């Protein structure tokens, strides 16, 4: 299981390092967190553990494993907080990690020399080791509990098909909390001079940490994959909306820019074009389109209203009281669905609606006179 845990965490760290596009330091926290936890998992592999026990002083292997695990969990907790609200400042994250690791190392050194690899079997007569265990398990409990609670709070904001990854990760976090609680009890209840570790309720904690590792890595990877798929779909929808609008309202196009700011320009061009077209939309358009089309998704009806407004704009037929588009133009999901409507609805289908509502297809001659009326029975 230790090899599997290491491969999962290392693979997740490598994948996030390759995939993320942002240059913000806060976005690197997930890569650092997974990488540090992968390093802690590597120290539990038999060959690596044997090599360290042979070459390093007693106890160094265990304190290194604890320090890497705490640092990784704090980085992951900082990342998940940044995905839901105010991003923690990188220097605060680094300060917190160095503080907790520093406490572990200082207490370990001051309480030496150590004779065995297992620190919990040598705590008798060393009261300062209580600070070590408090820092280690306290930081782990805070980080994993924060991660689990934050993911559960955020699940309601995600589409139903995109929740499974974070649900698995939250389950892994709470299994990790259970592992830490059981481990704390085991340390407290361990009798001095005991040859075997104390097992609270007979639970083997190694199985808990293995299950937590599996759930966390699969869950985080699943969430990132789902989020990447959602971003691709969103980009395709908004690209379709953008292409339609800038063709309709040519003056909304901004000069070409560097690729890293092109997305901001695209958003500006979409909003400028919609603002220009909103002046040519009549309040009765929604009912007219609904009567003509019948039952149809709301975003399809809105796309047709945009076509009506674009047609009036081409004829310079501005109504005295425009419709209010503010309720849905400012909503990101509405814009995404609107772009999907332009991708899925053929131009001929939309032209038929224009003919049915306006009495002509909106095309005109060089003087702007409307095209011929529809040839309907």
Protein backbone atom coordinates (compact mmCIF):
# COMPACT_ATOMS: atom_id res chain seq x y z
CA UNK A 1 0.00 0.00 0.00
CA UNK A 2 2.84 2.43 0.70
CA UNK A 3 4.09 2.12 -2.88
CA UNK A 4 0.59 2.74 -4.24
CA UNK A 5 0.13 5.79 -2.01
CA UNK A 6 3.48 7.20 -3.16
CA UNK A 7 2.68 6.65 -6.84
CA UNK A 8 -0.76 8.25 -6.48
CA UNK A 9 0.54 11.36 -4.71
CA UNK A 10 3.59 11.70 -6.96
CA UNK A 11 1.47 11.28 -10.09
CA UNK A 12 -1.06 13.84 -8.84
CA UNK A 13 1.73 16.32 -8.05
CA UNK A 14 3.31 15.89 -11.48
CA UNK A 15 -0.05 16.23 -13.22
CA UNK A 16 -0.98 19.44 -11.40
CA UNK A 17 2.47 20.89 -12.10
CA UNK A 18 2.02 20.29 -15.82
CA UNK A 19 -1.65 21.27 -16.04
CA UNK A 20 -1.94 24.53 -14.15
CA UNK A 21 -1.62 27.61 -16.32
CA UNK A 22 -1.67 30.35 -13.70
CA UNK A 23 1.48 32.09 -12.51
CA UNK A 24 -0.06 33.00 -9.15
CA UNK A 25 1.84 31.55 -6.21
CA UNK A 26 -1.38 30.39 -4.54
CA UNK A 27 -2.10 28.03 -7.43
CA UNK A 28 1.18 26.24 -6.80
CA UNK A 29 0.12 25.26 -3.28
CA UNK A 30 -1.68 22.11 -4.49
CA UNK A 31 1.42 20.95 -6.40
CA UNK A 32 3.70 21.61 -3.44
CA UNK A 33 1.24 19.94 -1.06
CA UNK A 34 0.87 16.79 -3.10
CA UNK A 35 4.63 16.65 -3.71
CA UNK A 36 5.45 16.93 -0.01
CA UNK A 37 2.91 14.25 0.93
CA UNK A 38 4.36 12.06 -1.82
CA UNK A 39 7.80 12.50 -0.26
CA UNK A 40 6.39 11.54 3.15
CA UNK A 41 4.82 8.44 1.57
CA UNK A 42 8.15 7.56 -0.05
CA UNK A 43 9.79 7.42 3.39
CA UNK A 44 7.34 4.67 4.34
CA UNK A 45 8.44 2.39 1.48
CA UNK A 46 10.43 -0.53 2.91
CA UNK A 47 13.59 -0.01 0.85
CA UNK A 48 13.71 3.74 1.51
CA UNK A 49 12.93 3.24 5.18
CA UNK A 50 15.64 0.62 5.58
CA UNK A 51 18.21 2.86 3.88
CA UNK A 52 17.41 5.80 6.16
CA UNK A 53 17.40 3.67 9.29
CA UNK A 54 20.84 2.38 8.35
CA UNK A 55 22.45 5.68 7.39
CA UNK A 56 20.66 8.33 9.48
CA UNK A 57 20.61 8.79 13.27
CA UNK A 58 17.79 7.16 15.21
CA UNK A 59 14.48 9.03 14.93
CA UNK A 60 15.47 11.19 11.96
CA UNK A 61 13.41 9.02 9.63
CA UNK A 62 10.26 9.49 11.67
CA UNK A 63 10.61 13.23 12.22
CA UNK A 64 11.33 13.73 8.51
CA UNK A 65 8.18 11.80 7.65
CA UNK A 66 6.13 13.84 10.11
CA UNK A 67 7.52 17.17 8.91
CA UNK A 68 6.85 16.41 5.25
CA UNK A 69 3.31 15.22 5.98
CA UNK A 70 2.44 18.31 8.04
CA UNK A 71 3.92 20.67 5.43
CA UNK A 72 2.03 18.96 2.59
CA UNK A 73 -1.29 19.00 4.42
CA UNK A 74 -0.95 22.70 5.27
CA UNK A 75 -0.25 23.52 1.61
CA UNK A 76 -3.29 21.52 0.44
CA UNK A 77 -5.50 23.23 3.03
CA UNK A 78 -4.24 26.62 1.81
CA UNK A 79 -5.06 25.66 -1.77
CA UNK A 80 -8.62 24.57 -1.05
CA UNK A 81 -9.26 27.78 0.90
CA UNK A 82 -8.01 29.78 -2.06
CA UNK A 83 -10.43 28.03 -4.43
CA UNK A 84 -13.43 29.17 -2.38
CA UNK A 85 -12.64 32.67 -1.26
CA UNK A 86 -9.76 34.92 -0.41
CA UNK A 87 -6.48 33.35 -1.44
CA UNK A 88 -4.02 32.99 1.47
CA UNK A 89 -0.88 35.01 0.91
CA UNK A 90 2.08 32.82 -0.05
CA UNK A 91 4.29 34.25 2.67
CA UNK A 92 1.66 33.39 5.29
CA UNK A 93 1.52 29.81 4.03
CA UNK A 94 5.31 29.52 4.01
CA UNK A 95 5.54 31.05 7.50
CA UNK A 96 2.96 28.62 8.88
CA UNK A 97 4.67 25.61 7.32
CA UNK A 98 8.15 26.63 8.52
CA UNK A 99 6.82 27.34 12.01
CA UNK A 100 5.21 23.93 12.41
CA UNK A 101 8.18 22.09 10.92
CA UNK A 102 10.55 24.15 13.07
CA UNK A 103 8.68 23.17 16.23
CA UNK A 104 8.97 19.48 15.34
CA UNK A 105 12.68 19.69 14.56
CA UNK A 106 13.61 21.81 17.59
CA UNK A 107 11.72 19.62 20.06
CA UNK A 108 13.18 16.50 18.45
CA UNK A 109 16.75 17.80 18.74
CA UNK A 110 16.40 19.11 22.30
CA UNK A 111 14.97 15.82 23.53
CA UNK A 112 17.72 13.67 22.03
CA UNK A 113 19.69 11.52 21.85
CA UNK A 114 17.28 8.90 20.56
CA UNK A 115 17.86 5.18 20.66
CA UNK A 116 15.03 3.83 18.49
CA UNK A 117 13.24 4.91 15.35
CA UNK A 118 9.78 5.09 17.02
CA UNK A 119 9.54 8.32 18.97
CA UNK A 120 6.33 7.38 20.76
CA UNK A 121 8.10 4.49 22.54
CA UNK A 122 10.66 6.90 24.06
CA UNK A 123 8.49 9.68 25.46
CA UNK A 124 8.74 8.58 29.09
CA UNK A 125 10.53 11.26 31.07
CA UNK A 126 10.44 13.72 28.17
CA UNK A 127 7.49 16.06 28.85
CA UNK A 128 8.43 18.41 26.01
CA UNK A 129 7.51 15.68 23.55
CA UNK A 130 3.89 16.58 24.30
CA UNK A 131 4.56 19.77 22.32
CA UNK A 132 5.89 17.66 19.44
CA UNK A 133 2.77 15.50 19.27
CA UNK A 134 0.49 18.52 19.74
CA UNK A 135 2.17 20.32 16.83
CA UNK A 136 2.19 17.24 14.61
CA UNK A 137 -1.32 15.93 15.16
CA UNK A 138 -2.78 19.39 15.76
CA UNK A 139 -1.55 20.73 12.42
CA UNK A 140 -2.64 17.57 10.63
CA UNK A 141 -6.10 17.64 12.24
CA UNK A 142 -6.60 21.34 11.46
CA UNK A 143 -5.47 20.99 7.85
CA UNK A 144 -7.45 17.86 7.01
CA UNK A 145 -10.59 19.00 8.85
CA UNK A 146 -10.42 22.38 7.07
CA UNK A 147 -10.03 20.58 3.76
CA UNK A 148 -12.98 18.26 4.42
CA UNK A 149 -15.36 20.97 5.65
CA UNK A 150 -14.42 23.35 2.83
CA UNK A 151 -15.04 20.76 0.15
CA UNK A 152 -18.44 19.87 1.59
CA UNK A 153 -19.43 23.55 1.68
CA UNK A 154 -18.40 24.00 -1.94
CA UNK A 155 -20.16 20.92 -3.31
CA UNK A 156 -23.53 22.66 -3.58
CA UNK A 157 -22.05 25.25 -5.97
CA UNK A 158 -20.94 22.61 -8.46
CA UNK A 159 -23.04 20.75 -11.03
CA UNK A 160 -24.23 17.34 -9.90
CA UNK A 161 -21.87 15.48 -12.22
CA UNK A 162 -18.88 17.48 -10.97
CA UNK A 163 -19.20 16.75 -7.26
CA UNK A 164 -17.89 13.21 -7.01
CA UNK A 165 -14.21 14.14 -6.94
CA UNK A 166 -14.48 16.54 -4.03
CA UNK A 167 -16.86 14.17 -2.22
CA UNK A 168 -14.21 11.45 -2.35
CA UNK A 169 -11.53 13.91 -1.24
CA UNK A 170 -13.71 15.05 1.68
CA UNK A 171 -14.26 11.42 2.70
CA UNK A 172 -10.49 10.90 2.59
CA UNK A 173 -9.97 13.98 4.76
CA UNK A 174 -12.38 12.74 7.41
CA UNK A 175 -10.78 9.28 7.38
CA UNK A 176 -7.48 11.12 7.93
CA UNK A 177 -9.04 12.94 10.88
CA UNK A 178 -10.11 9.58 12.33
CA UNK A 179 -6.56 8.28 11.85
CA UNK A 180 -5.11 11.27 13.71
CA UNK A 181 -7.59 10.95 16.59
CA UNK A 182 -6.88 7.23 16.98
CA UNK A 183 -3.14 7.90 16.84
CA UNK A 184 -3.38 10.56 19.55
CA UNK A 185 -5.23 8.13 21.83
CA UNK A 186 -2.63 5.45 21.09
CA UNK A 187 0.21 7.80 22.09
CA UNK A 188 -1.56 8.83 25.30
CA UNK A 189 -2.48 5.27 26.31
CA UNK A 190 0.88 3.72 25.45
CA UNK A 191 2.50 2.35 28.61
CA UNK A 192 6.20 3.14 29.20
CA UNK A 193 8.40 0.25 28.20
CA UNK A 194 5.67 -1.42 26.11
CA UNK A 195 6.93 -3.56 23.24
CA UNK A 196 3.79 -3.20 21.09
CA UNK A 197 1.84 -0.05 20.20
CA UNK A 198 -1.50 0.57 21.86
CA UNK A 199 -4.42 0.09 19.46
CA UNK A 200 -7.53 2.10 20.22
CA UNK A 201 -10.57 -0.16 19.71
CA UNK A 202 -8.22 -2.60 18.00
CA UNK A 203 -7.98 -0.36 14.91
CA UNK A 204 -4.85 -0.68 12.79
CA UNK A 205 -4.08 2.92 11.95
CA UNK A 206 -2.01 1.96 8.92
CA UNK A 207 -5.20 0.89 7.15
CA UNK A 208 -6.85 4.22 7.98
CA UNK A 209 -3.98 6.28 6.57
CA UNK A 210 -3.85 4.05 3.48
CA UNK A 211 -7.59 4.53 2.88
CA UNK A 212 -7.28 8.28 3.44
CA UNK A 213 -4.40 8.49 0.95
CA UNK A 214 -6.35 6.57 -1.70
CA UNK A 215 -9.53 8.61 -1.29
CA UNK A 216 -7.70 11.94 -1.20
CA UNK A 217 -5.59 11.39 -4.29
CA UNK A 218 -8.39 9.88 -6.38
CA UNK A 219 -10.77 12.60 -5.20
CA UNK A 220 -8.41 15.51 -5.87
CA UNK A 221 -7.44 14.12 -9.27
CA UNK A 222 -11.10 13.54 -10.11
CA UNK A 223 -11.99 17.09 -9.09
CA UNK A 224 -9.17 18.59 -11.15
CA UNK A 225 -10.08 16.51 -14.19
CA UNK A 226 -13.75 17.46 -13.89
CA UNK A 227 -12.84 21.12 -13.42
CA UNK A 228 -10.60 21.00 -16.50
CA UNK A 229 -13.42 19.48 -18.55
CA UNK A 230 -15.81 22.17 -17.29
CA UNK A 231 -13.33 24.90 -18.23
CA UNK A 232 -12.98 23.50 -21.75
CA UNK A 233 -16.74 23.35 -22.16
CA UNK A 234 -17.12 26.89 -20.80
CA UNK A 235 -14.44 28.19 -23.15
CA UNK A 236 -16.13 26.57 -26.15
CA UNK A 237 -19.52 28.05 -25.20
CA UNK A 238 -18.16 31.54 -24.65
CA UNK A 239 -16.09 31.35 -27.84
CA UNK A 240 -19.28 30.57 -29.79
CA UNK A 241 -21.09 33.49 -28.13
CA UNK A 242 -18.14 35.79 -28.72
CA UNK A 243 -17.83 34.85 -32.40
CA UNK A 244 -21.53 35.49 -33.02
CA UNK A 245 -21.62 38.81 -31.19
CA UNK A 246 -18.47 40.37 -32.64
CA UNK A 247 -19.65 39.45 -36.13
CA UNK A 248 -22.94 41.18 -35.35
CA UNK A 249 -21.50 44.23 -33.59
CA UNK A 250 -18.21 44.89 -35.35
CA UNK A 251 -17.26 47.93 -33.28
CA UNK A 252 -17.09 45.77 -30.12
CA UNK A 253 -13.84 44.16 -31.32
CA UNK A 254 -10.72 45.29 -29.48
CA UNK A 255 -7.17 45.30 -30.89
CA UNK A 256 -5.23 42.04 -30.79
CA UNK A 257 -3.42 41.43 -27.50
CA UNK A 258 -1.06 38.96 -25.90
CA UNK A 259 -2.55 35.49 -25.30
CA UNK A 260 -2.47 35.86 -21.50
CA UNK A 261 -4.96 38.78 -21.64
CA UNK A 262 -7.03 37.61 -24.61
CA UNK A 263 -9.65 36.08 -22.31
CA UNK A 264 -10.22 39.42 -20.59
CA UNK A 265 -10.64 41.12 -23.96
CA UNK A 266 -13.10 38.44 -25.01
CA UNK A 267 -15.23 39.10 -21.93
CA UNK A 268 -15.15 42.85 -22.56
CA UNK A 269 -16.15 42.39 -26.20
CA UNK A 270 -19.06 40.11 -25.22
CA UNK A 271 -20.39 42.58 -22.67
CA UNK A 272 -19.96 45.56 -25.02
CA UNK A 273 -21.83 43.79 -27.82
CA UNK A 274 -24.68 42.75 -25.52
CA UNK A 275 -24.94 46.30 -24.16
CA UNK A 276 -25.20 47.63 -27.72
CA UNK A 277 -27.85 45.09 -28.73
CA UNK A 278 -29.92 45.55 -25.58
CA UNK A 279 -30.96 49.02 -26.81
CA UNK A 280 -32.78 47.35 -29.74
CA UNK A 281 -34.69 44.71 -27.81
CA UNK A 282 -38.37 45.20 -27.11
CA UNK A 283 -39.98 44.01 -23.86
CA UNK A 284 -42.50 41.99 -25.90
CA UNK A 285 -39.79 39.99 -27.69
CA UNK A 286 -39.68 37.27 -25.04
CA UNK A 287 -43.41 36.53 -25.37
CA UNK A 288 -43.31 36.72 -29.18
CA UNK A 289 -40.45 34.26 -29.42
CA UNK A 290 -42.07 31.92 -26.90
CA UNK A 291 -45.33 31.90 -28.86
CA UNK A 292 -43.47 31.23 -32.09
CA UNK A 293 -41.07 28.56 -30.82
CA UNK A 294 -43.22 26.96 -28.16
CA UNK A 295 -41.48 24.90 -25.48
CA UNK A 296 -37.75 25.54 -25.62
CA UNK A 297 -34.91 26.03 -23.11
CA UNK A 298 -34.59 29.54 -21.77
CA UNK A 299 -31.14 30.08 -23.29
CA UNK A 300 -32.50 29.23 -26.76
CA UNK A 301 -35.24 31.84 -26.35
CA UNK A 302 -32.68 34.43 -25.27
CA UNK A 303 -30.46 33.66 -28.26
CA UNK A 304 -33.42 34.32 -30.53
CA UNK A 305 -34.14 37.60 -28.74
CA UNK A 306 -30.55 38.63 -29.45
CA UNK A 307 -31.09 37.85 -33.13
CA UNK A 308 -34.22 40.01 -33.13
CA UNK A 309 -32.32 42.88 -31.51
CA UNK A 310 -29.46 42.51 -34.01
CA UNK A 311 -31.95 42.63 -36.88
CA UNK A 312 -33.53 45.85 -35.59
CA UNK A 313 -30.08 47.34 -35.09
CA UNK A 314 -29.22 46.62 -38.71
CA UNK A 315 -32.43 48.43 -39.73
CA UNK A 316 -31.78 51.26 -37.20
CA UNK A 317 -35.16 50.51 -35.65
CA UNK A 318 -34.63 51.41 -32.02
CA UNK A 319 -37.66 50.93 -29.74
CA UNK A 320 -38.54 53.77 -27.34
CA UNK A 321 -38.37 51.49 -24.29
CA UNK A 322 -35.75 48.71 -24.54
CA UNK A 323 -36.08 45.45 -22.65
CA UNK A 324 -34.06 44.88 -19.49
CA UNK A 325 -31.41 42.19 -20.02
CA UNK A 326 -29.52 42.92 -16.82
CA UNK A 327 -30.82 39.92 -14.88
CA UNK A 328 -29.22 37.30 -17.11
CA UNK A 329 -26.44 39.17 -18.96
CA UNK A 330 -24.48 39.47 -15.70
CA UNK A 331 -24.72 35.72 -14.91
CA UNK A 332 -21.84 33.56 -16.11
CA UNK A 333 -23.92 30.38 -16.41
CA UNK A 334 -26.52 32.21 -18.51
CA UNK A 335 -23.80 33.40 -20.89
CA UNK A 336 -22.39 29.88 -21.17
CA UNK A 337 -25.79 28.45 -22.04
CA UNK A 338 -26.35 31.30 -24.46
CA UNK A 339 -23.16 30.40 -26.31
CA UNK A 340 -24.29 26.77 -26.39
CA UNK A 341 -27.53 27.86 -28.00
CA UNK A 342 -25.62 29.60 -30.80
CA UNK A 343 -23.57 26.43 -31.26
CA UNK A 344 -26.57 24.12 -31.38
CA UNK A 345 -29.20 26.21 -33.17
CA UNK A 346 -28.61 26.43 -36.92
CA UNK A 347 -28.73 29.85 -38.66
CA UNK A 348 -31.64 28.66 -40.82
CA UNK A 349 -33.67 27.78 -37.74
CA UNK A 350 -33.05 31.23 -36.25
CA UNK A 351 -33.89 32.88 -39.58
CA UNK A 352 -37.25 31.10 -39.59
CA UNK A 353 -38.02 32.59 -36.17
CA UNK A 354 -37.09 36.07 -37.40
CA UNK A 355 -39.46 35.69 -40.34
CA UNK A 356 -42.26 34.49 -38.06
CA UNK A 357 -41.82 37.33 -35.54
CA UNK A 358 -40.81 40.28 -37.74
CA UNK A 359 -42.45 39.26 -40.99
CA UNK A 360 -39.08 39.20 -42.81
CA UNK A 361 -35.68 37.59 -42.32
CA UNK A 362 -33.84 40.79 -41.42
CA UNK A 363 -31.73 40.93 -44.56
CA UNK A 364 -31.99 44.11 -46.61
CA UNK A 365 -30.71 45.80 -49.72
CA UNK A 366 -27.96 48.36 -49.87
CA UNK A 367 -30.34 51.06 -48.59
CA UNK A 368 -31.36 49.08 -45.54
CA UNK A 369 -34.86 48.19 -46.79
CA UNK A 370 -36.06 44.90 -45.28
CA UNK A 371 -36.03 41.76 -47.28
CA UNK A 372 -39.02 40.04 -48.72
CA UNK A 373 -41.76 38.74 -46.43
CA UNK A 374 -41.92 35.11 -45.67
CA UNK A 375 -43.59 32.85 -48.18
CA UNK A 376 -45.77 31.08 -45.64
CA UNK A 377 -49.20 29.66 -46.41
